[in-house]
Amino acid sequence: MESLYLLIPLSIVLVFIIGALFWWSLRTGQYDDLEGPAYRILLDDRDEFRQEGKGGEATPEAEQN
């Protein structure tokens, strides 16, 4: 019976800590986009690099400058 005097307040404090951490994670955007990074791997970024001149290949825009 005496252990309940310790365990009940401890569990209430633990619930508030877990709730605060969950609220913080929602406010900072941790759950915004769960599928985007998985699909981003499949996209082909080579066209973007060629336009910026970072792909190691000469682009018509880079040759004119």
PDB file of N, CA and C in Angstrom:
ATOM      1  N   MET A   1       0.822  -1.193   0.000  1.00  0.00           N
ATOM      2  CA  MET A   1       0.000   0.000   0.000  1.00  0.00           C
ATOM      3  C   MET A   1       0.866   1.257   0.000  1.00  0.00           C
ATOM      4  N   GLU A   2       1.990   1.193   0.706  1.00  0.00           N
ATOM      5  CA  GLU A   2       2.851   2.365   0.790  1.00  0.00           C
ATOM      6  C   GLU A   2       3.531   2.668  -0.542  1.00  0.00           C
ATOM      7  N   SER A   3       3.731   1.656  -1.355  1.00  0.00           N
ATOM      8  CA  SER A   3       4.370   1.885  -2.653  1.00  0.00           C
ATOM      9  C   SER A   3       3.461   2.677  -3.596  1.00  0.00           C
ATOM     10  N   LEU A   4       2.131   2.594  -3.381  1.00  0.00           N
ATOM     11  CA  LEU A   4       1.206   3.358  -4.209  1.00  0.00           C
ATOM     12  C   LEU A   4       1.369   4.861  -3.999  1.00  0.00           C
ATOM     13  N   TYR A   5       1.787   5.273  -2.835  1.00  0.00           N
ATOM     14  CA  TYR A   5       2.009   6.696  -2.569  1.00  0.00           C
ATOM     15  C   TYR A   5       3.152   7.243  -3.422  1.00  0.00           C
ATOM     16  N   LEU A   6       4.030   6.391  -3.833  1.00  0.00           N
ATOM     17  CA  LEU A   6       5.124   6.790  -4.710  1.00  0.00           C
ATOM     18  C   LEU A   6       4.768   6.569  -6.181  1.00  0.00           C
ATOM     19  N   LEU A   7       4.127   5.451  -6.488  1.00  0.00           N
ATOM     20  CA  LEU A   7       3.890   5.094  -7.880  1.00  0.00           C
ATOM     21  C   LEU A   7       2.812   5.947  -8.551  1.00  0.00           C
ATOM     22  N   ILE A   8       1.768   6.319  -7.846  1.00  0.00           N
ATOM     23  CA  ILE A   8       0.698   7.110  -8.463  1.00  0.00           C
ATOM     24  C   ILE A   8       1.198   8.503  -8.852  1.00  0.00           C
ATOM     25  N   PRO A   9       1.835   9.274  -7.969  1.00  0.00           N
ATOM     26  CA  PRO A   9       2.358  10.577  -8.417  1.00  0.00           C
ATOM     27  C   PRO A   9       3.439  10.445  -9.501  1.00  0.00           C
ATOM     28  N   LEU A  10       4.251   9.414  -9.410  1.00  0.00           N
ATOM     29  CA  LEU A  10       5.270   9.198 -10.418  1.00  0.00           C
ATOM     30  C   LEU A  10       4.649   8.916 -11.788  1.00  0.00           C
ATOM     31  N   SER A  11       3.600   8.145 -11.831  1.00  0.00           N
ATOM     32  CA  SER A  11       2.941   7.853 -13.107  1.00  0.00           C
ATOM     33  C   SER A  11       2.241   9.090 -13.666  1.00  0.00           C
ATOM     34  N   ILE A  12       1.690   9.926 -12.802  1.00  0.00           N
ATOM     35  CA  ILE A  12       1.052  11.163 -13.269  1.00  0.00           C
ATOM     36  C   ILE A  12       2.090  12.111 -13.863  1.00  0.00           C
ATOM     37  N   VAL A  13       3.231  12.233 -13.211  1.00  0.00           N
ATOM     38  CA  VAL A  13       4.309  13.069 -13.748  1.00  0.00           C
ATOM     39  C   VAL A  13       4.801  12.510 -15.070  1.00  0.00           C
ATOM     40  N   LEU A  14       4.923  11.206 -15.171  1.00  0.00           N
ATOM     41  CA  LEU A  14       5.371  10.577 -16.407  1.00  0.00           C
ATOM     42  C   LEU A  14       4.383  10.817 -17.550  1.00  0.00           C
ATOM     43  N   VAL A  15       3.099  10.773 -17.268  1.00  0.00           N
ATOM     44  CA  VAL A  15       2.087  11.048 -18.293  1.00  0.00           C
ATOM     45  C   VAL A  15       2.209  12.488 -18.789  1.00  0.00           C
ATOM     46  N   PHE A  16       2.430  13.432 -17.895  1.00  0.00           N
ATOM     47  CA  PHE A  16       2.582  14.820 -18.313  1.00  0.00           C
ATOM     48  C   PHE A  16       3.855  15.023 -19.132  1.00  0.00           C
ATOM     49  N   ILE A  17       4.927  14.341 -18.785  1.00  0.00           N
ATOM     50  CA  ILE A  17       6.166  14.447 -19.563  1.00  0.00           C
ATOM     51  C   ILE A  17       5.982  13.874 -20.956  1.00  0.00           C
ATOM     52  N   ILE A  18       5.349  12.731 -21.053  1.00  0.00           N
ATOM     53  CA  ILE A  18       5.097  12.122 -22.365  1.00  0.00           C
ATOM     54  C   ILE A  18       4.167  13.000 -23.191  1.00  0.00           C
ATOM     55  N   GLY A  19       3.138  13.563 -22.561  1.00  0.00           N
ATOM     56  CA  GLY A  19       2.229  14.476 -23.270  1.00  0.00           C
ATOM     57  C   GLY A  19       2.940  15.717 -23.768  1.00  0.00           C
ATOM     58  N   ALA A  20       3.834  16.275 -22.954  1.00  0.00           N
ATOM     59  CA  ALA A  20       4.583  17.460 -23.369  1.00  0.00           C
ATOM     60  C   ALA A  20       5.516  17.139 -24.529  1.00  0.00           C
ATOM     61  N   LEU A  21       6.171  15.995 -24.491  1.00  0.00           N
ATOM     62  CA  LEU A  21       7.042  15.606 -25.599  1.00  0.00           C
ATOM     63  C   LEU A  21       6.251  15.363 -26.886  1.00  0.00           C
ATOM     64  N   PHE A  22       5.079  14.773 -26.761  1.00  0.00           N
ATOM     65  CA  PHE A  22       4.244  14.552 -27.944  1.00  0.00           C
ATOM     66  C   PHE A  22       3.747  15.881 -28.505  1.00  0.00           C
ATOM     67  N   TRP A  23       3.342  16.798 -27.647  1.00  0.00           N
ATOM     68  CA  TRP A  23       2.887  18.114 -28.090  1.00  0.00           C
ATOM     69  C   TRP A  23       4.028  18.862 -28.776  1.00  0.00           C
ATOM     70  N   TRP A  24       5.241  18.779 -28.213  1.00  0.00           N
ATOM     71  CA  TRP A  24       6.400  19.414 -28.826  1.00  0.00           C
ATOM     72  C   TRP A  24       6.668  18.840 -30.212  1.00  0.00           C
ATOM     73  N   SER A  25       6.554  17.522 -30.344  1.00  0.00           N
ATOM     74  CA  SER A  25       6.822  16.909 -31.648  1.00  0.00           C
ATOM     75  C   SER A  25       5.781  17.315 -32.686  1.00  0.00           C
ATOM     76  N   LEU A  26       4.550  17.515 -32.264  1.00  0.00           N
ATOM     77  CA  LEU A  26       3.528  17.993 -33.198  1.00  0.00           C
ATOM     78  C   LEU A  26       3.797  19.437 -33.611  1.00  0.00           C
ATOM     79  N   ARG A  27       4.199  20.263 -32.668  1.00  0.00           N
ATOM     80  CA  ARG A  27       4.436  21.683 -32.950  1.00  0.00           C
ATOM     81  C   ARG A  27       5.660  21.910 -33.824  1.00  0.00           C
ATOM     82  N   THR A  28       6.650  21.043 -33.751  1.00  0.00           N
ATOM     83  CA  THR A  28       7.867  21.220 -34.541  1.00  0.00           C
ATOM     84  C   THR A  28       7.791  20.528 -35.896  1.00  0.00           C
ATOM     85  N   GLY A  29       6.669  19.892 -36.221  1.00  0.00           N
ATOM     86  CA  GLY A  29       6.496  19.314 -37.551  1.00  0.00           C
ATOM     87  C   GLY A  29       7.117  17.954 -37.741  1.00  0.00           C
ATOM     88  N   GLN A  30       7.243  17.169 -36.709  1.00  0.00           N
ATOM     89  CA  GLN A  30       7.867  15.856 -36.833  1.00  0.00           C
ATOM     90  C   GLN A  30       7.003  14.884 -37.631  1.00  0.00           C
ATOM     91  N   TYR A  31       5.703  15.113 -37.699  1.00  0.00           N
ATOM     92  CA  TYR A  31       4.797  14.184 -38.368  1.00  0.00           C
ATOM     93  C   TYR A  31       4.194  14.787 -39.631  1.00  0.00           C
ATOM     94  N   ASP A  32       4.811  15.806 -40.205  1.00  0.00           N
ATOM     95  CA  ASP A  32       4.221  16.492 -41.348  1.00  0.00           C
ATOM     96  C   ASP A  32       4.160  15.615 -42.593  1.00  0.00           C
ATOM     97  N   ASP A  33       5.294  15.112 -43.035  1.00  0.00           N
ATOM     98  CA  ASP A  33       5.341  14.370 -44.288  1.00  0.00           C
ATOM     99  C   ASP A  33       6.088  13.061 -44.064  1.00  0.00           C
ATOM    100  N   LEU A  34       5.347  11.982 -43.952  1.00  0.00           N
ATOM    101  CA  LEU A  34       5.974  10.692 -43.703  1.00  0.00           C
ATOM    102  C   LEU A  34       6.346   9.961 -44.990  1.00  0.00           C
ATOM    103  N   GLU A  35       5.659  10.263 -46.100  1.00  0.00           N
ATOM    104  CA  GLU A  35       5.904   9.533 -47.341  1.00  0.00           C
ATOM    105  C   GLU A  35       6.837  10.273 -48.292  1.00  0.00           C
ATOM    106  N   GLY A  36       7.009  11.558 -48.122  1.00  0.00           N
ATOM    107  CA  GLY A  36       7.828  12.351 -49.041  1.00  0.00           C
ATOM    108  C   GLY A  36       9.256  11.875 -49.166  1.00  0.00           C
ATOM    109  N   PRO A  37       9.982  11.655 -48.058  1.00  0.00           N
ATOM    110  CA  PRO A  37      11.365  11.193 -48.193  1.00  0.00           C
ATOM    111  C   PRO A  37      11.480   9.836 -48.876  1.00  0.00           C
ATOM    112  N   ALA A  38      10.501   8.984 -48.718  1.00  0.00           N
ATOM    113  CA  ALA A  38      10.557   7.674 -49.371  1.00  0.00           C
ATOM    114  C   ALA A  38      10.427   7.808 -50.891  1.00  0.00           C
ATOM    115  N   TYR A  39       9.585   8.728 -51.352  1.00  0.00           N
ATOM    116  CA  TYR A  39       9.423   8.928 -52.791  1.00  0.00           C
ATOM    117  C   TYR A  39      10.538   9.787 -53.372  1.00  0.00           C
ATOM    118  N   ARG A  40      11.170  10.615 -52.557  1.00  0.00           N
ATOM    119  CA  ARG A  40      12.224  11.499 -53.039  1.00  0.00           C
ATOM    120  C   ARG A  40      13.425  10.702 -53.542  1.00  0.00           C
ATOM    121  N   ILE A  41      13.650   9.527 -52.990  1.00  0.00           N
ATOM    122  CA  ILE A  41      14.759   8.690 -53.450  1.00  0.00           C
ATOM    123  C   ILE A  41      14.524   8.235 -54.881  1.00  0.00           C
ATOM    124  N   LEU A  42      13.265   8.008 -55.234  1.00  0.00           N
ATOM    125  CA  LEU A  42      12.946   7.469 -56.549  1.00  0.00           C
ATOM    126  C   LEU A  42      12.974   8.517 -57.649  1.00  0.00           C
ATOM    127  N   LEU A  43      12.933   9.799 -57.289  1.00  0.00           N
ATOM    128  CA  LEU A  43      12.924  10.847 -58.294  1.00  0.00           C
ATOM    129  C   LEU A  43      14.311  11.015 -58.903  1.00  0.00           C
ATOM    130  N   ASP A  44      14.329  11.419 -60.160  1.00  0.00           N
ATOM    131  CA  ASP A  44      15.582  11.613 -60.865  1.00  0.00           C
ATOM    132  C   ASP A  44      15.983  13.080 -60.743  1.00  0.00           C
ATOM    133  N   ASP A  45      17.087  13.331 -60.045  1.00  0.00           N
ATOM    134  CA  ASP A  45      17.529  14.702 -59.810  1.00  0.00           C
ATOM    135  C   ASP A  45      18.569  15.167 -60.829  1.00  0.00           C
ATOM    136  N   ARG A  46      18.912  14.348 -61.780  1.00  0.00           N
ATOM    137  CA  ARG A  46      19.966  14.723 -62.714  1.00  0.00           C
ATOM    138  C   ARG A  46      19.595  15.937 -63.547  1.00  0.00           C
ATOM    139  N   ASP A  47      18.332  16.096 -63.909  1.00  0.00           N
ATOM    140  CA  ASP A  47      17.921  17.256 -64.694  1.00  0.00           C
ATOM    141  C   ASP A  47      18.131  18.547 -63.922  1.00  0.00           C
ATOM    142  N   GLU A  48      17.863  18.533 -62.642  1.00  0.00           N
ATOM    143  CA  GLU A  48      18.059  19.726 -61.823  1.00  0.00           C
ATOM    144  C   GLU A  48      19.538  20.085 -61.741  1.00  0.00           C
ATOM    145  N   PHE A  49      20.407  19.063 -61.617  1.00  0.00           N
ATOM    146  CA  PHE A  49      21.831  19.336 -61.521  1.00  0.00           C
ATOM    147  C   PHE A  49      22.377  19.869 -62.847  1.00  0.00           C
ATOM    148  N   ARG A  50      21.881  19.374 -63.944  1.00  0.00           N
ATOM    149  CA  ARG A  50      22.346  19.864 -65.246  1.00  0.00           C
ATOM    150  C   ARG A  50      21.954  21.316 -65.445  1.00  0.00           C
ATOM    151  N   GLN A  51      20.774  21.699 -64.999  1.00  0.00           N
ATOM    152  CA  GLN A  51      20.330  23.077 -65.149  1.00  0.00           C
ATOM    153  C   GLN A  51      21.167  24.016 -64.293  1.00  0.00           C
ATOM    154  N   GLU A  52      21.614  23.536 -63.142  1.00  0.00           N
ATOM    155  CA  GLU A  52      22.410  24.375 -62.254  1.00  0.00           C
ATOM    156  C   GLU A  52      23.892  24.322 -62.594  1.00  0.00           C
ATOM    157  N   GLY A  53      24.285  23.425 -63.482  1.00  0.00           N
ATOM    158  CA  GLY A  53      25.677  23.315 -63.851  1.00  0.00           C
ATOM    159  C   GLY A  53      26.507  22.540 -62.850  1.00  0.00           C
ATOM    160  N   LYS A  54      25.893  21.699 -62.029  1.00  0.00           N
ATOM    161  CA  LYS A  54      26.618  20.960 -61.013  1.00  0.00           C
ATOM    162  C   LYS A  54      26.861  19.510 -61.414  1.00  0.00           C
ATOM    163  N   GLY A  55      26.372  19.116 -62.549  1.00  0.00           N
ATOM    164  CA  GLY A  55      26.456  17.716 -62.919  1.00  0.00           C
ATOM    165  C   GLY A  55      27.766  17.300 -63.537  1.00  0.00           C
ATOM    166  N   GLY A  56      28.700  18.215 -63.682  1.00  0.00           N
ATOM    167  CA  GLY A  56      29.983  17.868 -64.261  1.00  0.00           C
ATOM    168  C   GLY A  56      29.967  17.930 -65.781  1.00  0.00           C
ATOM    169  N   GLU A  57      28.807  18.151 -66.375  1.00  0.00           N
ATOM    170  CA  GLU A  57      28.696  18.254 -67.815  1.00  0.00           C
ATOM    171  C   GLU A  57      28.495  19.715 -68.194  1.00  0.00           C
ATOM    172  N   ALA A  58      28.990  20.089 -69.335  1.00  0.00           N
ATOM    173  CA  ALA A  58      28.828  21.464 -69.793  1.00  0.00           C
ATOM    174  C   ALA A  58      27.392  21.669 -70.277  1.00  0.00           C
ATOM    175  N   THR A  59      26.787  22.714 -69.832  1.00  0.00           N
ATOM    176  CA  THR A  59      25.433  23.042 -70.251  1.00  0.00           C
ATOM    177  C   THR A  59      25.505  24.199 -71.220  1.00  0.00           C
ATOM    178  N   PRO A  60      24.533  24.356 -72.089  1.00  0.00           N
ATOM    179  CA  PRO A  60      24.557  25.490 -73.019  1.00  0.00           C
ATOM    180  C   PRO A  60      24.604  26.829 -72.292  1.00  0.00           C
ATOM    181  N   GLU A  61      23.954  26.928 -71.146  1.00  0.00           N
ATOM    182  CA  GLU A  61      23.963  28.187 -70.406  1.00  0.00           C
ATOM    183  C   GLU A  61      25.368  28.482 -69.872  1.00  0.00           C
ATOM    184  N   ALA A  62      26.069  27.435 -69.415  1.00  0.00           N
ATOM    185  CA  ALA A  62      27.413  27.622 -68.867  1.00  0.00           C
ATOM    186  C   ALA A  62      28.413  27.954 -69.963  1.00  0.00           C
ATOM    187  N   GLU A  63      28.218  27.428 -71.184  1.00  0.00           N
ATOM    188  CA  GLU A  63      29.133  27.695 -72.271  1.00  0.00           C
ATOM    189  C   GLU A  63      29.003  29.123 -72.765  1.00  0.00           C
ATOM    190  N   GLN A  64      27.821  29.701 -72.702  1.00  0.00           N
ATOM    191  CA  GLN A  64      27.610  31.065 -73.181  1.00  0.00           C
ATOM    192  C   GLN A  64      28.238  32.078 -72.242  1.00  0.00           C
ATOM    193  N   ASN A  65      28.310  31.785 -70.942  1.00  0.00           N
ATOM    194  CA  ASN A  65      28.839  32.754 -69.977  1.00  0.00           C
ATOM    195  C   ASN A  65      30.296  32.766 -69.940  1.00  0.00           C
TER     196      ASN A  65
END
